[in-house]
Amino acid sequence: MIHTVRIILYCFLFVFSFILLALCAARLHYTTHLSPFDPLNGGVRFYDHIVVELLVTSILTLFWSPFIARTIHGRHEHRFVNTFIAELIGLAILFLLWLVGAAIATNTGNPPDVNTKWGNLSSCWAYGACRVLTAMVAFAWLGWLLIFASLVITLLFAIANKAFREPMHGRWDPRATRYSQQMRNLP
């Protein structure tokens, strides 16, 4: 049951990462192809560093989530790469990337200052660019929430079963798996 929940979380994370990737690409395209008459930034082309960070984070997550979901579903056992500890390390890194991206994107326009290009997102929904930014912030937080849930579930499962060095699919029989014997022989 817990394995199915983990796979579903990774599937949703994949979808949210794809949506965030598309939103970041739309924002980058808009800001790097500004018309000289566009009121944003006086028509001078630019890009937001936090959008690039969210883009890179979503790309990393697009590779990570299907790999982990396939490993859990297919019961793959390949040394350290497919252990709970490896999954937890990967989730911790993604957790930090998503948290930093979502937090900075949320705070970019509040309070407005000289260096920000976003302004107050709650008062500009009439414009398409503002709706893209609002959706980008929302999906950044949703992705972080899924990463957090996956991290907590995986950590609790690994602690409860003392399974940090066991295969991350979590459905092992120490008498039947080759992997468990190989790991016990390591120093």
C-alpha atoms as a PDB file:
ATOM      1  CA  MET A   1       0.000   0.000   0.000  1.00  0.00           C
ATOM      2  CA  ILE A   2       2.709   2.494   0.990  1.00  0.00           C
ATOM      3  CA  HIS A   3       4.593   1.695  -2.211  1.00  0.00           C
ATOM      4  CA  THR A   4       1.561   2.583  -4.315  1.00  0.00           C
ATOM      5  CA  VAL A   5       1.240   5.912  -2.491  1.00  0.00           C
ATOM      6  CA  ARG A   6       4.920   6.658  -3.128  1.00  0.00           C
ATOM      7  CA  ILE A   7       4.559   5.843  -6.833  1.00  0.00           C
ATOM      8  CA  ILE A   8       1.472   8.073  -7.097  1.00  0.00           C
ATOM      9  CA  LEU A   9       3.322  10.931  -5.366  1.00  0.00           C
ATOM     10  CA  TYR A  10       6.186  10.607  -7.853  1.00  0.00           C
ATOM     11  CA  CYS A  11       3.745  10.556 -10.782  1.00  0.00           C
ATOM     12  CA  PHE A  12       2.087  13.762  -9.566  1.00  0.00           C
ATOM     13  CA  LEU A  13       5.521  15.276  -8.979  1.00  0.00           C
ATOM     14  CA  PHE A  14       6.433  14.471 -12.578  1.00  0.00           C
ATOM     15  CA  VAL A  15       3.279  16.191 -13.859  1.00  0.00           C
ATOM     16  CA  PHE A  16       3.772  19.266 -11.658  1.00  0.00           C
ATOM     17  CA  SER A  17       7.430  19.475 -12.705  1.00  0.00           C
ATOM     18  CA  PHE A  18       6.425  19.370 -16.349  1.00  0.00           C
ATOM     19  CA  ILE A  19       3.870  22.141 -15.824  1.00  0.00           C
ATOM     20  CA  LEU A  20       6.437  24.235 -13.934  1.00  0.00           C
ATOM     21  CA  LEU A  21       8.943  23.648 -16.735  1.00  0.00           C
ATOM     22  CA  ALA A  22       6.427  24.919 -19.292  1.00  0.00           C
ATOM     23  CA  LEU A  23       5.575  27.975 -17.183  1.00  0.00           C
ATOM     24  CA  CYS A  24       9.262  28.810 -16.655  1.00  0.00           C
ATOM     25  CA  ALA A  25       9.930  28.416 -20.372  1.00  0.00           C
ATOM     26  CA  ALA A  26       7.007  30.730 -21.160  1.00  0.00           C
ATOM     27  CA  ARG A  27       8.302  33.340 -18.700  1.00  0.00           C
ATOM     28  CA  LEU A  28      11.855  33.125 -20.039  1.00  0.00           C
ATOM     29  CA  HIS A  29      10.628  33.415 -23.611  1.00  0.00           C
ATOM     30  CA  TYR A  30       8.528  36.446 -22.736  1.00  0.00           C
ATOM     31  CA  THR A  31      11.291  38.302 -20.879  1.00  0.00           C
ATOM     32  CA  THR A  32      14.054  37.506 -23.365  1.00  0.00           C
ATOM     33  CA  HIS A  33      11.908  38.543 -26.352  1.00  0.00           C
ATOM     34  CA  LEU A  34      10.376  41.772 -25.050  1.00  0.00           C
ATOM     35  CA  SER A  35       9.111  44.272 -27.556  1.00  0.00           C
ATOM     36  CA  PRO A  36      10.812  47.672 -27.284  1.00  0.00           C
ATOM     37  CA  PHE A  37       7.350  49.088 -26.582  1.00  0.00           C
ATOM     38  CA  ASP A  38       6.523  46.665 -23.763  1.00  0.00           C
ATOM     39  CA  PRO A  39       6.012  48.548 -20.472  1.00  0.00           C
ATOM     40  CA  LEU A  40       7.798  45.779 -18.534  1.00  0.00           C
ATOM     41  CA  ASN A  41      11.360  46.872 -17.756  1.00  0.00           C
ATOM     42  CA  GLY A  42      11.068  49.678 -20.301  1.00  0.00           C
ATOM     43  CA  GLY A  43      11.203  47.165 -23.161  1.00  0.00           C
ATOM     44  CA  VAL A  44      14.719  46.014 -22.189  1.00  0.00           C
ATOM     45  CA  ARG A  45      15.128  42.241 -22.414  1.00  0.00           C
ATOM     46  CA  PHE A  46      16.115  40.369 -19.253  1.00  0.00           C
ATOM     47  CA  TYR A  47      15.608  37.111 -17.402  1.00  0.00           C
ATOM     48  CA  ASP A  48      14.824  36.346 -13.777  1.00  0.00           C
ATOM     49  CA  HIS A  49      17.452  34.247 -12.037  1.00  0.00           C
ATOM     50  CA  ILE A  50      14.827  32.536  -9.891  1.00  0.00           C
ATOM     51  CA  VAL A  51      12.941  31.434 -13.008  1.00  0.00           C
ATOM     52  CA  VAL A  52      16.124  29.779 -14.256  1.00  0.00           C
ATOM     53  CA  GLU A  53      16.560  28.083 -10.858  1.00  0.00           C
ATOM     54  CA  LEU A  54      12.989  26.780 -10.992  1.00  0.00           C
ATOM     55  CA  LEU A  55      13.550  25.636 -14.576  1.00  0.00           C
ATOM     56  CA  VAL A  56      16.674  23.665 -13.618  1.00  0.00           C
ATOM     57  CA  THR A  57      14.924  22.239 -10.547  1.00  0.00           C
ATOM     58  CA  SER A  58      11.960  21.082 -12.621  1.00  0.00           C
ATOM     59  CA  ILE A  59      14.275  19.473 -15.198  1.00  0.00           C
ATOM     60  CA  LEU A  60      16.159  17.591 -12.463  1.00  0.00           C
ATOM     61  CA  THR A  61      12.854  16.462 -10.992  1.00  0.00           C
ATOM     62  CA  LEU A  62      11.630  15.328 -14.422  1.00  0.00           C
ATOM     63  CA  PHE A  63      14.549  12.899 -14.524  1.00  0.00           C
ATOM     64  CA  TRP A  64      14.389  11.931 -10.845  1.00  0.00           C
ATOM     65  CA  SER A  65      10.690  11.094 -10.427  1.00  0.00           C
ATOM     66  CA  PRO A  66      10.298   8.511 -13.227  1.00  0.00           C
ATOM     67  CA  PHE A  67      13.580   6.876 -12.191  1.00  0.00           C
ATOM     68  CA  ILE A  68      12.383   6.429  -8.610  1.00  0.00           C
ATOM     69  CA  ALA A  69       8.828   5.434  -9.593  1.00  0.00           C
ATOM     70  CA  ARG A  70      10.214   2.826 -12.012  1.00  0.00           C
ATOM     71  CA  THR A  71      12.613   1.522  -9.378  1.00  0.00           C
ATOM     72  CA  ILE A  72       9.848   1.155  -6.802  1.00  0.00           C
ATOM     73  CA  HIS A  73       7.395  -0.392  -9.255  1.00  0.00           C
ATOM     74  CA  GLY A  74       9.913  -2.682 -10.944  1.00  0.00           C
ATOM     75  CA  ARG A  75      11.592  -3.722  -7.674  1.00  0.00           C
ATOM     76  CA  HIS A  76      15.040  -2.920  -9.038  1.00  0.00           C
ATOM     77  CA  GLU A  77      18.020  -3.726  -6.816  1.00  0.00           C
ATOM     78  CA  HIS A  78      21.314  -2.194  -7.963  1.00  0.00           C
ATOM     79  CA  ARG A  79      23.712  -1.496  -5.119  1.00  0.00           C
ATOM     80  CA  PHE A  80      23.662   1.926  -3.454  1.00  0.00           C
ATOM     81  CA  VAL A  81      21.740   3.787  -6.170  1.00  0.00           C
ATOM     82  CA  ASN A  82      18.486   1.994  -5.386  1.00  0.00           C
ATOM     83  CA  THR A  83      18.578   2.141  -1.575  1.00  0.00           C
ATOM     84  CA  PHE A  84      16.416   4.192   0.733  1.00  0.00           C
ATOM     85  CA  ILE A  85      19.419   6.284   1.751  1.00  0.00           C
ATOM     86  CA  ALA A  86      20.041   7.243  -1.896  1.00  0.00           C
ATOM     87  CA  GLU A  87      16.384   8.167  -2.320  1.00  0.00           C
ATOM     88  CA  LEU A  88      16.460  10.244   0.855  1.00  0.00           C
ATOM     89  CA  ILE A  89      19.615  12.075  -0.258  1.00  0.00           C
ATOM     90  CA  GLY A  90      18.028  12.853  -3.626  1.00  0.00           C
ATOM     91  CA  LEU A  91      14.797  13.979  -1.976  1.00  0.00           C
ATOM     92  CA  ALA A  92      16.708  16.202   0.458  1.00  0.00           C
ATOM     93  CA  ILE A  93      18.535  17.921  -2.405  1.00  0.00           C
ATOM     94  CA  LEU A  94      15.305  18.396  -4.359  1.00  0.00           C
ATOM     95  CA  PHE A  95      13.569  19.566  -1.170  1.00  0.00           C
ATOM     96  CA  LEU A  96      16.101  22.372  -0.770  1.00  0.00           C
ATOM     97  CA  LEU A  97      15.994  23.337  -4.456  1.00  0.00           C
ATOM     98  CA  TRP A  98      12.190  23.453  -4.539  1.00  0.00           C
ATOM     99  CA  LEU A  99      11.996  25.311  -1.210  1.00  0.00           C
ATOM    100  CA  VAL A 100      14.508  27.967  -2.240  1.00  0.00           C
ATOM    101  CA  GLY A 101      12.843  28.411  -5.631  1.00  0.00           C
ATOM    102  CA  ALA A 102       9.329  28.644  -4.246  1.00  0.00           C
ATOM    103  CA  ALA A 103      10.297  30.944  -1.370  1.00  0.00           C
ATOM    104  CA  ILE A 104      12.259  33.394  -3.508  1.00  0.00           C
ATOM    105  CA  ALA A 105       9.591  33.356  -6.233  1.00  0.00           C
ATOM    106  CA  THR A 106       6.943  34.086  -3.601  1.00  0.00           C
ATOM    107  CA  ASN A 107       8.946  36.948  -2.122  1.00  0.00           C
ATOM    108  CA  THR A 108      10.139  38.485  -5.416  1.00  0.00           C
ATOM    109  CA  GLY A 109       7.419  41.101  -5.592  1.00  0.00           C
ATOM    110  CA  ASN A 110       6.649  41.584  -1.895  1.00  0.00           C
ATOM    111  CA  PRO A 111       7.461  44.253  -0.944  1.00  0.00           C
ATOM    112  CA  PRO A 112       8.142  45.854  -4.305  1.00  0.00           C
ATOM    113  CA  ASP A 113      11.638  47.267  -4.571  1.00  0.00           C
ATOM    114  CA  VAL A 114      13.838  48.762  -7.226  1.00  0.00           C
ATOM    115  CA  ASN A 115      15.384  45.429  -8.299  1.00  0.00           C
ATOM    116  CA  THR A 116      12.213  43.389  -8.727  1.00  0.00           C
ATOM    117  CA  LYS A 117      10.419  43.051 -12.042  1.00  0.00           C
ATOM    118  CA  TRP A 118       7.392  41.144 -10.740  1.00  0.00           C
ATOM    119  CA  GLY A 119       5.641  43.659  -8.545  1.00  0.00           C
ATOM    120  CA  ASN A 120       2.555  42.657  -6.587  1.00  0.00           C
ATOM    121  CA  LEU A 121       1.098  39.551  -8.246  1.00  0.00           C
ATOM    122  CA  SER A 122      -2.269  39.837  -6.519  1.00  0.00           C
ATOM    123  CA  SER A 123      -3.132  43.075  -8.331  1.00  0.00           C
ATOM    124  CA  CYS A 124      -2.132  42.258 -11.929  1.00  0.00           C
ATOM    125  CA  TRP A 125      -4.158  39.184 -12.907  1.00  0.00           C
ATOM    126  CA  ALA A 126      -5.536  41.032 -15.908  1.00  0.00           C
ATOM    127  CA  TYR A 127      -2.228  40.442 -17.696  1.00  0.00           C
ATOM    128  CA  GLY A 128      -1.109  37.096 -19.094  1.00  0.00           C
ATOM    129  CA  ALA A 129       2.462  37.500 -17.871  1.00  0.00           C
ATOM    130  CA  CYS A 130       1.206  37.981 -14.326  1.00  0.00           C
ATOM    131  CA  ARG A 131      -0.996  34.893 -14.518  1.00  0.00           C
ATOM    132  CA  VAL A 132       2.036  32.876 -15.659  1.00  0.00           C
ATOM    133  CA  LEU A 133       4.037  34.112 -12.657  1.00  0.00           C
ATOM    134  CA  THR A 134       1.173  33.351 -10.267  1.00  0.00           C
ATOM    135  CA  ALA A 135       0.785  29.827 -11.662  1.00  0.00           C
ATOM    136  CA  MET A 136       4.560  29.347 -11.520  1.00  0.00           C
ATOM    137  CA  VAL A 137       4.616  30.232  -7.812  1.00  0.00           C
ATOM    138  CA  ALA A 138       1.644  27.949  -7.144  1.00  0.00           C
ATOM    139  CA  PHE A 139       3.180  24.948  -8.906  1.00  0.00           C
ATOM    140  CA  ALA A 140       6.521  25.585  -7.216  1.00  0.00           C
ATOM    141  CA  TRP A 141       4.828  25.274  -3.823  1.00  0.00           C
ATOM    142  CA  LEU A 142       2.793  22.245  -4.927  1.00  0.00           C
ATOM    143  CA  GLY A 143       5.966  20.525  -6.116  1.00  0.00           C
ATOM    144  CA  TRP A 144       7.697  21.325  -2.843  1.00  0.00           C
ATOM    145  CA  LEU A 145       4.728  19.913  -0.940  1.00  0.00           C
ATOM    146  CA  LEU A 146       4.922  16.636  -2.885  1.00  0.00           C
ATOM    147  CA  ILE A 147       8.680  16.425  -2.289  1.00  0.00           C
ATOM    148  CA  PHE A 148       8.105  17.053   1.416  1.00  0.00           C
ATOM    149  CA  ALA A 149       5.405  14.368   1.602  1.00  0.00           C
ATOM    150  CA  SER A 150       7.628  11.879  -0.232  1.00  0.00           C
ATOM    151  CA  LEU A 151      10.541  12.702   2.050  1.00  0.00           C
ATOM    152  CA  VAL A 152       8.479  12.208   5.205  1.00  0.00           C
ATOM    153  CA  ILE A 153       6.837   8.975   4.019  1.00  0.00           C
ATOM    154  CA  THR A 154      10.138   7.490   2.845  1.00  0.00           C
ATOM    155  CA  LEU A 155      11.965   8.527   6.004  1.00  0.00           C
ATOM    156  CA  LEU A 156       9.282   7.126   8.303  1.00  0.00           C
ATOM    157  CA  PHE A 157       9.171   3.858   6.356  1.00  0.00           C
ATOM    158  CA  ALA A 158      12.957   3.511   6.434  1.00  0.00           C
ATOM    159  CA  ILE A 159      13.097   4.259  10.174  1.00  0.00           C
ATOM    160  CA  ALA A 160      10.219   1.904  11.022  1.00  0.00           C
ATOM    161  CA  ASN A 161      11.763  -0.956   9.055  1.00  0.00           C
ATOM    162  CA  LYS A 162      15.441  -0.141   9.710  1.00  0.00           C
ATOM    163  CA  ALA A 163      15.795  -0.185   5.946  1.00  0.00           C
ATOM    164  CA  PHE A 164      18.164   2.641   5.069  1.00  0.00           C
ATOM    165  CA  ARG A 165      20.529   0.281   3.237  1.00  0.00           C
ATOM    166  CA  GLU A 166      17.772  -1.886   1.746  1.00  0.00           C
ATOM    167  CA  PRO A 167      16.297  -1.535  -1.760  1.00  0.00           C
ATOM    168  CA  MET A 168      13.963   1.448  -1.998  1.00  0.00           C
ATOM    169  CA  HIS A 169      11.082  -0.593  -3.375  1.00  0.00           C
ATOM    170  CA  GLY A 170      10.559  -1.730   0.225  1.00  0.00           C
ATOM    171  CA  ARG A 171       9.199  -5.141  -0.668  1.00  0.00           C
ATOM    172  CA  TRP A 172      12.116  -7.381   0.099  1.00  0.00           C
ATOM    173  CA  ASP A 173      12.501 -10.743   1.687  1.00  0.00           C
ATOM    174  CA  PRO A 174      15.998 -11.010   3.180  1.00  0.00           C
ATOM    175  CA  ARG A 175      16.050 -14.728   2.437  1.00  0.00           C
ATOM    176  CA  ALA A 176      15.128 -14.291  -1.241  1.00  0.00           C
ATOM    177  CA  THR A 177      16.988 -11.187  -2.360  1.00  0.00           C
ATOM    178  CA  ARG A 178      20.569 -11.206  -3.582  1.00  0.00           C
ATOM    179  CA  TYR A 179      20.957  -7.538  -2.833  1.00  0.00           C
ATOM    180  CA  SER A 180      20.530  -7.819   0.916  1.00  0.00           C
ATOM    181  CA  GLN A 181      23.333 -10.388   1.188  1.00  0.00           C
ATOM    182  CA  GLN A 182      25.685  -8.236  -0.887  1.00  0.00           C
ATOM    183  CA  MET A 183      25.056  -5.196   1.302  1.00  0.00           C
ATOM    184  CA  ARG A 184      25.630  -7.142   4.521  1.00  0.00           C
ATOM    185  CA  ASN A 185      29.056  -8.217   3.282  1.00  0.00           C
ATOM    186  CA  LEU A 186      30.172  -4.604   2.813  1.00  0.00           C
ATOM    187  CA  PRO A 187      32.319  -3.043   5.575  1.00  0.00           C
END
